[in-house]
Amino acid sequence: MFKLAYMVVTMRPVKSELVSKVTELTSQFPKAHGGPVHIGDPAAIGITDITKPDWGDPVPINPGEIMIFHACGVSAQEAIINNNIPFAITHAPGQMFITDTPI
């Protein structure tokens, strides 16, 4: 039986007037990261310090920007680690796997 793992999210700050457009555009790609899983306060999804990510580098947030969170492919690595899987091919934060399979 597999153990559960946390969802890893990618955060990008977006100017407040563009939040709905970003949501609309990214939602068109459900086989990629898809639409946001959360918009706004990171504490609402269990993130206690946005300046200290568990994976990758912190992202600066400027005045007038809203944080948008998308599901991240690094979630698979969290599951692999939690289940002691001995071998897997995946990606690192900021380093995506490229394939010829259309999405």
Protein backbone atom coordinates (compact mmCIF):
# COMPACT_ATOMS: atom_id res chain seq x y z
CA MET A 1 0.00 0.00 0.00
CA PHE A 2 1.34 3.42 -0.91
CA LYS A 3 1.69 6.23 1.61
CA LEU A 4 0.08 9.58 0.92
CA ALA A 5 2.22 12.55 -0.08
CA TYR A 6 1.70 16.29 -0.01
CA MET A 7 0.88 18.21 -3.18
CA VAL A 8 3.76 20.45 -4.14
CA VAL A 9 2.65 23.78 -5.61
CA THR A 10 4.31 26.35 -7.82
CA MET A 11 3.64 29.96 -6.85
CA ARG A 12 3.74 32.86 -9.25
CA PRO A 13 2.81 36.39 -8.26
CA VAL A 14 0.52 38.07 -10.78
CA LYS A 15 -0.71 41.65 -11.00
CA SER A 16 -4.16 41.72 -9.46
CA GLU A 17 -5.83 42.87 -12.68
CA LEU A 18 -4.45 39.80 -14.53
CA VAL A 19 -5.53 37.06 -12.09
CA SER A 20 -8.72 36.16 -13.96
CA LYS A 21 -6.89 36.08 -17.32
CA VAL A 22 -4.13 33.85 -15.93
CA THR A 23 -6.77 31.54 -14.45
CA GLU A 24 -8.67 31.41 -17.74
CA LEU A 25 -5.55 30.70 -19.81
CA THR A 26 -3.92 28.11 -17.56
CA SER A 27 -7.20 26.24 -17.07
CA GLN A 28 -7.09 25.37 -20.78
CA PHE A 29 -4.13 23.04 -20.13
CA PRO A 30 -5.30 20.39 -17.64
CA LYS A 31 -2.65 17.92 -18.83
CA ALA A 32 0.08 20.41 -17.92
CA HIS A 33 -0.15 22.33 -14.62
CA GLY A 34 -3.73 23.37 -15.36
CA GLY A 35 -5.63 26.08 -13.58
CA PRO A 36 -4.76 27.33 -10.11
CA VAL A 37 -5.36 25.10 -7.10
CA HIS A 38 -5.36 28.21 -4.89
CA ILE A 39 -5.26 31.99 -5.22
CA GLY A 40 -4.27 34.30 -2.38
CA ASP A 41 -3.19 33.65 1.20
CA PRO A 42 -0.60 30.84 1.32
CA ALA A 43 -1.51 30.06 4.95
CA ALA A 44 -4.89 28.79 3.72
CA ILE A 45 -3.09 25.86 2.05
CA GLY A 46 -0.62 25.22 4.85
CA ILE A 47 2.32 27.36 3.73
CA THR A 48 3.69 29.09 6.83
CA ASP A 49 6.59 31.03 5.29
CA ILE A 50 6.39 31.87 1.57
CA THR A 51 10.02 33.05 1.65
CA LYS A 52 11.30 29.56 2.55
CA PRO A 53 10.01 27.03 -0.02
CA ASP A 54 10.57 23.31 0.52
CA TRP A 55 11.52 22.94 -3.15
CA GLY A 56 13.18 25.47 -5.48
CA ASP A 57 13.97 29.11 -4.84
CA PRO A 58 11.81 31.83 -3.26
CA VAL A 59 10.01 34.17 -5.65
CA PRO A 60 9.83 37.91 -4.93
CA ILE A 61 6.33 39.34 -4.52
CA ASN A 62 5.82 42.99 -5.46
CA PRO A 63 3.11 45.35 -4.22
CA GLY A 64 -0.14 44.88 -6.12
CA GLU A 65 0.57 41.23 -6.95
CA ILE A 66 -1.59 38.27 -5.93
CA MET A 67 -0.07 34.84 -5.32
CA ILE A 68 -1.37 32.13 -7.63
CA PHE A 69 -0.60 28.49 -6.86
CA HIS A 70 -0.61 25.66 -9.41
CA ALA A 71 -0.06 21.95 -8.85
CA CYS A 72 3.56 21.08 -9.58
CA GLY A 73 5.11 17.99 -11.15
CA VAL A 74 7.52 17.87 -8.21
CA SER A 75 4.57 16.34 -6.30
CA ALA A 76 5.64 13.03 -7.86
CA GLN A 77 9.04 13.34 -6.19
CA GLU A 78 7.33 13.83 -2.83
CA ALA A 79 5.38 10.61 -3.41
CA ILE A 80 8.53 8.76 -4.52
CA ILE A 81 10.42 9.87 -1.40
CA ASN A 82 7.52 9.00 0.94
CA ASN A 83 7.22 5.52 -0.56
CA ASN A 84 10.93 4.62 -0.75
CA ILE A 85 10.71 3.85 -4.46
CA PRO A 86 14.25 2.80 -5.50
CA PHE A 87 14.26 4.23 -9.04
CA ALA A 88 12.26 6.85 -10.90
CA ILE A 89 12.72 9.24 -13.80
CA THR A 90 11.25 12.66 -13.09
CA HIS A 91 12.36 16.30 -13.05
CA ALA A 92 13.80 18.88 -10.71
CA PRO A 93 12.27 22.28 -9.92
CA GLY A 94 12.74 24.46 -12.98
CA GLN A 95 13.97 21.50 -15.08
CA MET A 96 11.15 19.98 -17.09
CA PHE A 97 11.06 16.67 -18.94
CA ILE A 98 10.37 17.13 -22.65
CA THR A 99 8.62 14.51 -24.76
CA ASP A 100 7.04 14.23 -28.18
CA THR A 101 3.70 13.20 -26.67
CA PRO A 102 1.14 15.92 -27.42
CA ILE A 103 -0.92 17.20 -24.51
